[in-house]
Amino acid sequence: MYIYNVTININETIHQEWLTWMETHILDVLNTGKFISAKLTEVLVDEEMGGKTYSIQYTANTRQDLDDYYKEDADRLRLESFKKFGDQMLAFRTELRLIKEFYPTNIHN
């Protein structure tokens, strides 16, 4: 599996509007059919530049699904973000390949 991680720092004055909009945007990305799930998380650090930082992690089954997203959908969806929030946000993207997941073998009560 592959994880497409988008980390975004958003101006604090509009972050609530952005969070509301992101719910729709994440569904738009999922509805491309290239990803099987997404997680929206808040990054718990104080940024020197200010603002609030979030990470959205989209999970794809195959490398081909991720490549198809880049070819067919990424530019259009990124442009929507830029048109709406422009210089109020800074984003960077990383790709991760899942090697193995681990789970506890016994859970203490």
PDB file of N, CA and C in Angstrom:
ATOM      1  N   MET A   1       0.839  -1.176   0.000  1.00  0.00           N
ATOM      2  CA  MET A   1       0.000   0.000   0.000  1.00  0.00           C
ATOM      3  C   MET A   1       0.882   1.235   0.000  1.00  0.00           C
ATOM      4  N   TYR A   2       0.318   2.327  -0.491  1.00  0.00           N
ATOM      5  CA  TYR A   2       1.029   3.592  -0.582  1.00  0.00           C
ATOM      6  C   TYR A   2       0.233   4.670   0.135  1.00  0.00           C
ATOM      7  N   ILE A   3       0.951   5.570   0.771  1.00  0.00           N
ATOM      8  CA  ILE A   3       0.316   6.687   1.461  1.00  0.00           C
ATOM      9  C   ILE A   3       0.791   7.974   0.795  1.00  0.00           C
ATOM     10  N   TYR A   4      -0.150   8.753   0.354  1.00  0.00           N
ATOM     11  CA  TYR A   4       0.117  10.068  -0.215  1.00  0.00           C
ATOM     12  C   TYR A   4      -0.201  11.064   0.895  1.00  0.00           C
ATOM     13  N   ASN A   5       0.840  11.679   1.447  1.00  0.00           N
ATOM     14  CA  ASN A   5       0.689  12.574   2.587  1.00  0.00           C
ATOM     15  C   ASN A   5       0.803  14.025   2.128  1.00  0.00           C
ATOM     16  N   VAL A   6      -0.192  14.823   2.474  1.00  0.00           N
ATOM     17  CA  VAL A   6      -0.173  16.248   2.176  1.00  0.00           C
ATOM     18  C   VAL A   6      -0.165  16.981   3.511  1.00  0.00           C
ATOM     19  N   THR A   7       0.911  17.738   3.766  1.00  0.00           N
ATOM     20  CA  THR A   7       1.022  18.521   4.987  1.00  0.00           C
ATOM     21  C   THR A   7       0.782  19.978   4.627  1.00  0.00           C
ATOM     22  N   ILE A   8      -0.123  20.608   5.356  1.00  0.00           N
ATOM     23  CA  ILE A   8      -0.545  21.974   5.028  1.00  0.00           C
ATOM     24  C   ILE A   8      -0.487  22.848   6.265  1.00  0.00           C
ATOM     25  N   ASN A   9       0.153  24.007   6.108  1.00  0.00           N
ATOM     26  CA  ASN A   9       0.101  25.043   7.136  1.00  0.00           C
ATOM     27  C   ASN A   9      -0.870  26.102   6.616  1.00  0.00           C
ATOM     28  N   ILE A  10      -1.883  26.396   7.427  1.00  0.00           N
ATOM     29  CA  ILE A  10      -2.941  27.327   7.022  1.00  0.00           C
ATOM     30  C   ILE A  10      -2.980  28.501   7.992  1.00  0.00           C
ATOM     31  N   ASN A  11      -3.212  29.676   7.469  1.00  0.00           N
ATOM     32  CA  ASN A  11      -3.326  30.877   8.295  1.00  0.00           C
ATOM     33  C   ASN A  11      -4.385  30.652   9.363  1.00  0.00           C
ATOM     34  N   GLU A  12      -4.038  30.975  10.605  1.00  0.00           N
ATOM     35  CA  GLU A  12      -4.927  30.693  11.732  1.00  0.00           C
ATOM     36  C   GLU A  12      -6.273  31.413  11.623  1.00  0.00           C
ATOM     37  N   THR A  13      -6.300  32.560  10.963  1.00  0.00           N
ATOM     38  CA  THR A  13      -7.555  33.322  10.867  1.00  0.00           C
ATOM     39  C   THR A  13      -8.587  32.651   9.973  1.00  0.00           C
ATOM     40  N   ILE A  14      -8.153  31.754   9.097  1.00  0.00           N
ATOM     41  CA  ILE A  14      -9.110  31.091   8.197  1.00  0.00           C
ATOM     42  C   ILE A  14      -9.105  29.573   8.341  1.00  0.00           C
ATOM     43  N   HIS A  15      -8.381  29.062   9.349  1.00  0.00           N
ATOM     44  CA  HIS A  15      -8.233  27.605   9.418  1.00  0.00           C
ATOM     45  C   HIS A  15      -9.558  26.883   9.631  1.00  0.00           C
ATOM     46  N   GLN A  16     -10.507  27.487  10.335  1.00  0.00           N
ATOM     47  CA  GLN A  16     -11.795  26.813  10.544  1.00  0.00           C
ATOM     48  C   GLN A  16     -12.578  26.702   9.227  1.00  0.00           C
ATOM     49  N   GLU A  17     -12.554  27.765   8.435  1.00  0.00           N
ATOM     50  CA  GLU A  17     -13.181  27.721   7.108  1.00  0.00           C
ATOM     51  C   GLU A  17     -12.506  26.661   6.243  1.00  0.00           C
ATOM     52  N   TRP A  18     -11.168  26.613   6.317  1.00  0.00           N
ATOM     53  CA  TRP A  18     -10.409  25.635   5.548  1.00  0.00           C
ATOM     54  C   TRP A  18     -10.767  24.212   5.979  1.00  0.00           C
ATOM     55  N   LEU A  19     -10.865  23.961   7.285  1.00  0.00           N
ATOM     56  CA  LEU A  19     -11.222  22.628   7.784  1.00  0.00           C
ATOM     57  C   LEU A  19     -12.574  22.176   7.250  1.00  0.00           C
ATOM     58  N   THR A  20     -13.542  23.080   7.255  1.00  0.00           N
ATOM     59  CA  THR A  20     -14.875  22.760   6.728  1.00  0.00           C
ATOM     60  C   THR A  20     -14.787  22.421   5.252  1.00  0.00           C
ATOM     61  N   TRP A  21     -14.051  23.233   4.499  1.00  0.00           N
ATOM     62  CA  TRP A  21     -13.881  23.005   3.064  1.00  0.00           C
ATOM     63  C   TRP A  21     -13.141  21.695   2.803  1.00  0.00           C
ATOM     64  N   MET A  22     -12.166  21.360   3.645  1.00  0.00           N
ATOM     65  CA  MET A  22     -11.371  20.145   3.447  1.00  0.00           C
ATOM     66  C   MET A  22     -12.214  18.884   3.498  1.00  0.00           C
ATOM     67  N   GLU A  23     -13.274  18.889   4.270  1.00  0.00           N
ATOM     68  CA  GLU A  23     -14.127  17.693   4.315  1.00  0.00           C
ATOM     69  C   GLU A  23     -14.667  17.373   2.928  1.00  0.00           C
ATOM     70  N   THR A  24     -15.067  18.402   2.203  1.00  0.00           N
ATOM     71  CA  THR A  24     -15.546  18.208   0.832  1.00  0.00           C
ATOM     72  C   THR A  24     -14.396  17.851  -0.098  1.00  0.00           C
ATOM     73  N   HIS A  25     -13.275  18.547   0.065  1.00  0.00           N
ATOM     74  CA  HIS A  25     -12.110  18.299  -0.795  1.00  0.00           C
ATOM     75  C   HIS A  25     -11.606  16.863  -0.647  1.00  0.00           C
ATOM     76  N   ILE A  26     -11.511  16.382   0.578  1.00  0.00           N
ATOM     77  CA  ILE A  26     -11.051  15.007   0.807  1.00  0.00           C
ATOM     78  C   ILE A  26     -11.989  14.015   0.120  1.00  0.00           C
ATOM     79  N   LEU A  27     -13.284  14.247   0.224  1.00  0.00           N
ATOM     80  CA  LEU A  27     -14.232  13.360  -0.464  1.00  0.00           C
ATOM     81  C   LEU A  27     -14.053  13.438  -1.980  1.00  0.00           C
ATOM     82  N   ASP A  28     -13.760  14.634  -2.504  1.00  0.00           N
ATOM     83  CA  ASP A  28     -13.493  14.771  -3.944  1.00  0.00           C
ATOM     84  C   ASP A  28     -12.281  13.935  -4.353  1.00  0.00           C
ATOM     85  N   VAL A  29     -11.236  13.963  -3.533  1.00  0.00           N
ATOM     86  CA  VAL A  29     -10.041  13.160  -3.828  1.00  0.00           C
ATOM     87  C   VAL A  29     -10.387  11.669  -3.761  1.00  0.00           C
ATOM     88  N   LEU A  30     -11.102  11.251  -2.724  1.00  0.00           N
ATOM     89  CA  LEU A  30     -11.487   9.842  -2.604  1.00  0.00           C
ATOM     90  C   LEU A  30     -12.377   9.400  -3.762  1.00  0.00           C
ATOM     91  N   ASN A  31     -13.239  10.298  -4.219  1.00  0.00           N
ATOM     92  CA  ASN A  31     -14.159   9.949  -5.296  1.00  0.00           C
ATOM     93  C   ASN A  31     -13.492   9.837  -6.657  1.00  0.00           C
ATOM     94  N   THR A  32     -12.184  10.120  -6.743  1.00  0.00           N
ATOM     95  CA  THR A  32     -11.461   9.850  -7.989  1.00  0.00           C
ATOM     96  C   THR A  32     -11.321   8.346  -8.196  1.00  0.00           C
ATOM     97  N   GLY A  33     -11.509   7.580  -7.124  1.00  0.00           N
ATOM     98  CA  GLY A  33     -11.371   6.129  -7.211  1.00  0.00           C
ATOM     99  C   GLY A  33      -9.943   5.635  -7.072  1.00  0.00           C
ATOM    100  N   LYS A  34      -9.006   6.544  -6.808  1.00  0.00           N
ATOM    101  CA  LYS A  34      -7.603   6.148  -6.724  1.00  0.00           C
ATOM    102  C   LYS A  34      -7.164   5.778  -5.304  1.00  0.00           C
ATOM    103  N   PHE A  35      -7.952   6.162  -4.309  1.00  0.00           N
ATOM    104  CA  PHE A  35      -7.587   5.925  -2.907  1.00  0.00           C
ATOM    105  C   PHE A  35      -8.700   5.159  -2.205  1.00  0.00           C
ATOM    106  N   ILE A  36      -8.307   4.396  -1.168  1.00  0.00           N
ATOM    107  CA  ILE A  36      -9.294   3.598  -0.443  1.00  0.00           C
ATOM    108  C   ILE A  36      -9.694   4.219   0.884  1.00  0.00           C
ATOM    109  N   SER A  37      -8.896   5.188   1.373  1.00  0.00           N
ATOM    110  CA  SER A  37      -9.237   5.851   2.630  1.00  0.00           C
ATOM    111  C   SER A  37      -8.416   7.128   2.768  1.00  0.00           C
ATOM    112  N   ALA A  38      -8.809   7.940   3.743  1.00  0.00           N
ATOM    113  CA  ALA A  38      -8.060   9.161   4.049  1.00  0.00           C
ATOM    114  C   ALA A  38      -8.173   9.446   5.539  1.00  0.00           C
ATOM    115  N   LYS A  39      -7.127  10.053   6.088  1.00  0.00           N
ATOM    116  CA  LYS A  39      -7.119  10.494   7.484  1.00  0.00           C
ATOM    117  C   LYS A  39      -6.738  11.961   7.509  1.00  0.00           C
ATOM    118  N   LEU A  40      -7.471  12.738   8.271  1.00  0.00           N
ATOM    119  CA  LEU A  40      -7.156  14.147   8.486  1.00  0.00           C
ATOM    120  C   LEU A  40      -6.651  14.288   9.911  1.00  0.00           C
ATOM    121  N   THR A  41      -5.433  14.782  10.079  1.00  0.00           N
ATOM    122  CA  THR A  41      -4.853  14.920  11.406  1.00  0.00           C
ATOM    123  C   THR A  41      -4.315  16.331  11.605  1.00  0.00           C
ATOM    124  N   GLU A  42      -4.285  16.763  12.853  1.00  0.00           N
ATOM    125  CA  GLU A  42      -3.648  18.028  13.213  1.00  0.00           C
ATOM    126  C   GLU A  42      -2.232  17.713  13.669  1.00  0.00           C
ATOM    127  N   VAL A  43      -1.268  18.464  13.158  1.00  0.00           N
ATOM    128  CA  VAL A  43       0.119  18.311  13.569  1.00  0.00           C
ATOM    129  C   VAL A  43       0.302  19.119  14.849  1.00  0.00           C
ATOM    130  N   LEU A  44       0.757  18.461  15.900  1.00  0.00           N
ATOM    131  CA  LEU A  44       0.815  19.083  17.220  1.00  0.00           C
ATOM    132  C   LEU A  44       2.187  19.700  17.492  1.00  0.00           C
ATOM    133  N   VAL A  45       2.493  20.738  16.732  1.00  0.00           N
ATOM    134  CA  VAL A  45       3.716  21.508  16.940  1.00  0.00           C
ATOM    135  C   VAL A  45       3.363  22.985  16.835  1.00  0.00           C
ATOM    136  N   ASP A  46       4.151  23.818  17.512  1.00  0.00           N
ATOM    137  CA  ASP A  46       4.015  25.257  17.346  1.00  0.00           C
ATOM    138  C   ASP A  46       4.940  25.673  16.217  1.00  0.00           C
ATOM    139  N   GLU A  47       4.350  26.172  15.141  1.00  0.00           N
ATOM    140  CA  GLU A  47       5.128  26.576  13.981  1.00  0.00           C
ATOM    141  C   GLU A  47       5.717  27.962  14.192  1.00  0.00           C
ATOM    142  N   GLU A  48       7.006  28.136  13.857  1.00  0.00           N
ATOM    143  CA  GLU A  48       7.633  29.445  13.946  1.00  0.00           C
ATOM    144  C   GLU A  48       6.918  30.457  13.064  1.00  0.00           C
ATOM    145  N   MET A  49       6.430  29.994  11.910  1.00  0.00           N
ATOM    146  CA  MET A  49       5.760  30.892  10.980  1.00  0.00           C
ATOM    147  C   MET A  49       4.318  31.168  11.384  1.00  0.00           C
ATOM    148  N   GLY A  50       3.848  30.522  12.450  1.00  0.00           N
ATOM    149  CA  GLY A  50       2.471  30.695  12.889  1.00  0.00           C
ATOM    150  C   GLY A  50       1.537  29.787  12.120  1.00  0.00           C
ATOM    151  N   GLY A  51       0.260  30.020  12.263  1.00  0.00           N
ATOM    152  CA  GLY A  51      -0.732  29.204  11.588  1.00  0.00           C
ATOM    153  C   GLY A  51      -0.929  27.859  12.258  1.00  0.00           C
ATOM    154  N   LYS A  52      -1.779  27.062  11.648  1.00  0.00           N
ATOM    155  CA  LYS A  52      -2.057  25.707  12.125  1.00  0.00           C
ATOM    156  C   LYS A  52      -1.620  24.743  11.030  1.00  0.00           C
ATOM    157  N   THR A  53      -1.112  23.590  11.448  1.00  0.00           N
ATOM    158  CA  THR A  53      -0.618  22.617  10.486  1.00  0.00           C
ATOM    159  C   THR A  53      -1.426  21.335  10.586  1.00  0.00           C
ATOM    160  N   TYR A  54      -1.759  20.796   9.418  1.00  0.00           N
ATOM    161  CA  TYR A  54      -2.547  19.570   9.316  1.00  0.00           C
ATOM    162  C   TYR A  54      -1.876  18.628   8.327  1.00  0.00           C
ATOM    163  N   SER A  55      -2.180  17.346   8.475  1.00  0.00           N
ATOM    164  CA  SER A  55      -1.704  16.330   7.551  1.00  0.00           C
ATOM    165  C   SER A  55      -2.908  15.520   7.082  1.00  0.00           C
ATOM    166  N   ILE A  56      -2.984  15.329   5.782  1.00  0.00           N
ATOM    167  CA  ILE A  56      -4.009  14.463   5.214  1.00  0.00           C
ATOM    168  C   ILE A  56      -3.276  13.289   4.580  1.00  0.00           C
ATOM    169  N   GLN A  57      -3.644  12.085   4.986  1.00  0.00           N
ATOM    170  CA  GLN A  57      -2.991  10.878   4.496  1.00  0.00           C
ATOM    171  C   GLN A  57      -3.993  10.055   3.694  1.00  0.00           C
ATOM    172  N   TYR A  58      -3.735   9.971   2.399  1.00  0.00           N
ATOM    173  CA  TYR A  58      -4.582   9.197   1.496  1.00  0.00           C
ATOM    174  C   TYR A  58      -3.904   7.856   1.239  1.00  0.00           C
ATOM    175  N   THR A  59      -4.648   6.758   1.361  1.00  0.00           N
ATOM    176  CA  THR A  59      -4.089   5.424   1.160  1.00  0.00           C
ATOM    177  C   THR A  59      -4.516   4.875  -0.196  1.00  0.00           C
ATOM    178  N   ALA A  60      -3.516   4.450  -0.978  1.00  0.00           N
ATOM    179  CA  ALA A  60      -3.753   3.837  -2.288  1.00  0.00           C
ATOM    180  C   ALA A  60      -3.304   2.380  -2.236  1.00  0.00           C
ATOM    181  N   ASN A  61      -4.006   1.520  -2.933  1.00  0.00           N
ATOM    182  CA  ASN A  61      -3.633   0.106  -2.966  1.00  0.00           C
ATOM    183  C   ASN A  61      -2.339  -0.138  -3.724  1.00  0.00           C
ATOM    184  N   THR A  62      -2.146   0.583  -4.843  1.00  0.00           N
ATOM    185  CA  THR A  62      -0.994   0.302  -5.707  1.00  0.00           C
ATOM    186  C   THR A  62      -0.285   1.591  -6.110  1.00  0.00           C
ATOM    187  N   ARG A  63       0.946   1.431  -6.558  1.00  0.00           N
ATOM    188  CA  ARG A  63       1.713   2.559  -7.106  1.00  0.00           C
ATOM    189  C   ARG A  63       1.011   3.100  -8.350  1.00  0.00           C
ATOM    190  N   GLN A  64       0.420   2.215  -9.121  1.00  0.00           N
ATOM    191  CA  GLN A  64      -0.292   2.631 -10.331  1.00  0.00           C
ATOM    192  C   GLN A  64      -1.461   3.547  -9.992  1.00  0.00           C
ATOM    193  N   ASP A  65      -2.197   3.240  -8.920  1.00  0.00           N
ATOM    194  CA  ASP A  65      -3.298   4.113  -8.494  1.00  0.00           C
ATOM    195  C   ASP A  65      -2.780   5.515  -8.183  1.00  0.00           C
ATOM    196  N   LEU A  66      -1.651   5.585  -7.495  1.00  0.00           N
ATOM    197  CA  LEU A  66      -1.066   6.878  -7.156  1.00  0.00           C
ATOM    198  C   LEU A  66      -0.598   7.610  -8.408  1.00  0.00           C
ATOM    199  N   ASP A  67       0.066   6.914  -9.308  1.00  0.00           N
ATOM    200  CA  ASP A  67       0.501   7.527 -10.567  1.00  0.00           C
ATOM    201  C   ASP A  67      -0.687   8.008 -11.392  1.00  0.00           C
ATOM    202  N   ASP A  68      -1.752   7.217 -11.432  1.00  0.00           N
ATOM    203  CA  ASP A  68      -2.956   7.626 -12.166  1.00  0.00           C
ATOM    204  C   ASP A  68      -3.566   8.883 -11.555  1.00  0.00           C
ATOM    205  N   TYR A  69      -3.548   8.988 -10.230  1.00  0.00           N
ATOM    206  CA  TYR A  69      -4.053  10.197  -9.569  1.00  0.00           C
ATOM    207  C   TYR A  69      -3.259  11.415 -10.041  1.00  0.00           C
ATOM    208  N   TYR A  70      -1.923  11.297 -10.063  1.00  0.00           N
ATOM    209  CA  TYR A  70      -1.094  12.417 -10.522  1.00  0.00           C
ATOM    210  C   TYR A  70      -1.432  12.801 -11.961  1.00  0.00           C
ATOM    211  N   LYS A  71      -1.586  11.807 -12.822  1.00  0.00           N
ATOM    212  CA  LYS A  71      -1.842  12.068 -14.244  1.00  0.00           C
ATOM    213  C   LYS A  71      -3.236  12.625 -14.506  1.00  0.00           C
ATOM    214  N   GLU A  72      -4.229  12.116 -13.798  1.00  0.00           N
ATOM    215  CA  GLU A  72      -5.618  12.406 -14.142  1.00  0.00           C
ATOM    216  C   GLU A  72      -6.312  13.436 -13.252  1.00  0.00           C
ATOM    217  N   ASP A  73      -5.870  13.609 -12.015  1.00  0.00           N
ATOM    218  CA  ASP A  73      -6.670  14.393 -11.066  1.00  0.00           C
ATOM    219  C   ASP A  73      -5.917  15.451 -10.261  1.00  0.00           C
ATOM    220  N   ALA A  74      -4.656  15.236  -9.979  1.00  0.00           N
ATOM    221  CA  ALA A  74      -3.931  16.065  -9.015  1.00  0.00           C
ATOM    222  C   ALA A  74      -3.926  17.550  -9.384  1.00  0.00           C
ATOM    223  N   ASP A  75      -3.601  17.880 -10.622  1.00  0.00           N
ATOM    224  CA  ASP A  75      -3.517  19.295 -11.008  1.00  0.00           C
ATOM    225  C   ASP A  75      -4.836  20.018 -10.797  1.00  0.00           C
ATOM    226  N   ARG A  76      -5.915  19.408 -11.215  1.00  0.00           N
ATOM    227  CA  ARG A  76      -7.243  20.027 -11.079  1.00  0.00           C
ATOM    228  C   ARG A  76      -7.598  20.245  -9.609  1.00  0.00           C
ATOM    229  N   LEU A  77      -7.367  19.246  -8.780  1.00  0.00           N
ATOM    230  CA  LEU A  77      -7.729  19.364  -7.365  1.00  0.00           C
ATOM    231  C   LEU A  77      -6.822  20.336  -6.613  1.00  0.00           C
ATOM    232  N   ARG A  78      -5.552  20.371  -6.981  1.00  0.00           N
ATOM    233  CA  ARG A  78      -4.639  21.347  -6.357  1.00  0.00           C
ATOM    234  C   ARG A  78      -5.030  22.769  -6.738  1.00  0.00           C
ATOM    235  N   LEU A  79      -5.427  22.950  -7.975  1.00  0.00           N
ATOM    236  CA  LEU A  79      -5.831  24.279  -8.439  1.00  0.00           C
ATOM    237  C   LEU A  79      -7.054  24.776  -7.669  1.00  0.00           C
ATOM    238  N   GLU A  80      -7.992  23.887  -7.376  1.00  0.00           N
ATOM    239  CA  GLU A  80      -9.164  24.277  -6.579  1.00  0.00           C
ATOM    240  C   GLU A  80      -8.729  24.812  -5.214  1.00  0.00           C
ATOM    241  N   SER A  81      -7.778  24.154  -4.583  1.00  0.00           N
ATOM    242  CA  SER A  81      -7.266  24.607  -3.285  1.00  0.00           C
ATOM    243  C   SER A  81      -6.621  25.976  -3.413  1.00  0.00           C
ATOM    244  N   PHE A  82      -5.800  26.131  -4.444  1.00  0.00           N
ATOM    245  CA  PHE A  82      -5.087  27.386  -4.628  1.00  0.00           C
ATOM    246  C   PHE A  82      -6.049  28.539  -4.902  1.00  0.00           C
ATOM    247  N   LYS A  83      -7.055  28.284  -5.739  1.00  0.00           N
ATOM    248  CA  LYS A  83      -8.034  29.337  -6.042  1.00  0.00           C
ATOM    249  C   LYS A  83      -8.771  29.789  -4.788  1.00  0.00           C
ATOM    250  N   LYS A  84      -9.066  28.858  -3.910  1.00  0.00           N
ATOM    251  CA  LYS A  84      -9.852  29.182  -2.719  1.00  0.00           C
ATOM    252  C   LYS A  84      -9.007  29.827  -1.623  1.00  0.00           C
ATOM    253  N   PHE A  85      -7.764  29.349  -1.416  1.00  0.00           N
ATOM    254  CA  PHE A  85      -6.984  29.807  -0.271  1.00  0.00           C
ATOM    255  C   PHE A  85      -5.646  30.447  -0.631  1.00  0.00           C
ATOM    256  N   GLY A  86      -5.199  30.282  -1.865  1.00  0.00           N
ATOM    257  CA  GLY A  86      -4.009  30.957  -2.374  1.00  0.00           C
ATOM    258  C   GLY A  86      -2.847  31.022  -1.416  1.00  0.00           C
ATOM    259  N   ASP A  87      -2.409  32.252  -1.136  1.00  0.00           N
ATOM    260  CA  ASP A  87      -1.228  32.443  -0.304  1.00  0.00           C
ATOM    261  C   ASP A  87      -1.514  32.338   1.189  1.00  0.00           C
ATOM    262  N   GLN A  88      -2.707  31.907   1.557  1.00  0.00           N
ATOM    263  CA  GLN A  88      -3.048  31.706   2.964  1.00  0.00           C
ATOM    264  C   GLN A  88      -2.622  30.329   3.468  1.00  0.00           C
ATOM    265  N   MET A  89      -2.073  29.516   2.558  1.00  0.00           N
ATOM    266  CA  MET A  89      -1.652  28.168   2.937  1.00  0.00           C
ATOM    267  C   MET A  89      -0.361  27.793   2.238  1.00  0.00           C
ATOM    268  N   LEU A  90       0.367  26.905   2.877  1.00  0.00           N
ATOM    269  CA  LEU A  90       1.598  26.367   2.328  1.00  0.00           C
ATOM    270  C   LEU A  90       1.495  24.848   2.431  1.00  0.00           C
ATOM    271  N   ALA A  91       1.703  24.151   1.315  1.00  0.00           N
ATOM    272  CA  ALA A  91       1.538  22.694   1.306  1.00  0.00           C
ATOM    273  C   ALA A  91       2.804  22.015   0.787  1.00  0.00           C
ATOM    274  N   PHE A  92       3.101  20.855   1.343  1.00  0.00           N
ATOM    275  CA  PHE A  92       4.110  19.995   0.738  1.00  0.00           C
ATOM    276  C   PHE A  92       3.617  18.560   0.815  1.00  0.00           C
ATOM    277  N   ARG A  93       4.101  17.778  -0.119  1.00  0.00           N
ATOM    278  CA  ARG A  93       3.585  16.424  -0.293  1.00  0.00           C
ATOM    279  C   ARG A  93       4.714  15.406  -0.206  1.00  0.00           C
ATOM    280  N   THR A  94       4.413  14.263   0.394  1.00  0.00           N
ATOM    281  CA  THR A  94       5.361  13.157   0.454  1.00  0.00           C
ATOM    282  C   THR A  94       4.631  11.861   0.139  1.00  0.00           C
ATOM    283  N   GLU A  95       5.387  10.908  -0.352  1.00  0.00           N
ATOM    284  CA  GLU A  95       4.850   9.575  -0.629  1.00  0.00           C
ATOM    285  C   GLU A  95       5.518   8.584   0.304  1.00  0.00           C
ATOM    286  N   LEU A  96       4.722   7.646   0.798  1.00  0.00           N
ATOM    287  CA  LEU A  96       5.247   6.606   1.678  1.00  0.00           C
ATOM    288  C   LEU A  96       4.761   5.251   1.164  1.00  0.00           C
ATOM    289  N   ARG A  97       5.593   4.258   1.312  1.00  0.00           N
ATOM    290  CA  ARG A  97       5.187   2.892   0.963  1.00  0.00           C
ATOM    291  C   ARG A  97       5.119   2.095   2.254  1.00  0.00           C
ATOM    292  N   LEU A  98       3.972   1.515   2.511  1.00  0.00           N
ATOM    293  CA  LEU A  98       3.775   0.714   3.717  1.00  0.00           C
ATOM    294  C   LEU A  98       4.539  -0.593   3.579  1.00  0.00           C
ATOM    295  N   ILE A  99       5.427  -0.850   4.533  1.00  0.00           N
ATOM    296  CA  ILE A  99       6.204  -2.088   4.540  1.00  0.00           C
ATOM    297  C   ILE A  99       5.460  -3.162   5.321  1.00  0.00           C
ATOM    298  N   LYS A 100       5.050  -2.814   6.546  1.00  0.00           N
ATOM    299  CA  LYS A 100       4.369  -3.781   7.399  1.00  0.00           C
ATOM    300  C   LYS A 100       3.678  -3.033   8.520  1.00  0.00           C
ATOM    301  N   GLU A 101       2.531  -3.525   8.923  1.00  0.00           N
ATOM    302  CA  GLU A 101       1.827  -2.967  10.075  1.00  0.00           C
ATOM    303  C   GLU A 101       1.991  -3.916  11.248  1.00  0.00           C
ATOM    304  N   PHE A 102       2.101  -3.351  12.435  1.00  0.00           N
ATOM    305  CA  PHE A 102       2.249  -4.136  13.645  1.00  0.00           C
ATOM    306  C   PHE A 102       1.102  -3.819  14.597  1.00  0.00           C
ATOM    307  N   TYR A 103       0.685  -4.821  15.319  1.00  0.00           N
ATOM    308  CA  TYR A 103      -0.395  -4.678  16.296  1.00  0.00           C
ATOM    309  C   TYR A 103       0.044  -5.357  17.590  1.00  0.00           C
ATOM    310  N   PRO A 104      -0.459  -4.902  18.734  1.00  0.00           N
ATOM    311  CA  PRO A 104      -0.084  -5.543  19.997  1.00  0.00           C
ATOM    312  C   PRO A 104      -0.558  -6.995  20.025  1.00  0.00           C
ATOM    313  N   THR A 105       0.254  -7.847  20.646  1.00  0.00           N
ATOM    314  CA  THR A 105      -0.117  -9.266  20.723  1.00  0.00           C
ATOM    315  C   THR A 105      -0.988  -9.550  21.938  1.00  0.00           C
ATOM    316  N   ASN A 106      -0.880  -8.725  22.958  1.00  0.00           N
ATOM    317  CA  ASN A 106      -1.813  -8.859  24.064  1.00  0.00           C
ATOM    318  C   ASN A 106      -2.110  -7.465  24.602  1.00  0.00           C
ATOM    319  N   ILE A 107      -3.335  -7.277  24.924  1.00  0.00           N
ATOM    320  CA  ILE A 107      -3.791  -5.966  25.378  1.00  0.00           C
ATOM    321  C   ILE A 107      -4.081  -6.048  26.864  1.00  0.00           C
ATOM    322  N   HIS A 108      -3.499  -5.131  27.610  1.00  0.00           N
ATOM    323  CA  HIS A 108      -3.715  -5.082  29.066  1.00  0.00           C
ATOM    324  C   HIS A 108      -4.919  -4.235  29.382  1.00  0.00           C
ATOM    325  N   ASN A 109      -5.713  -4.687  30.331  1.00  0.00           N
ATOM    326  CA  ASN A 109      -6.897  -3.917  30.755  1.00  0.00           C
ATOM    327  C   ASN A 109      -6.531  -2.931  31.830  1.00  0.00           C
TER     328      ASN A 109
END
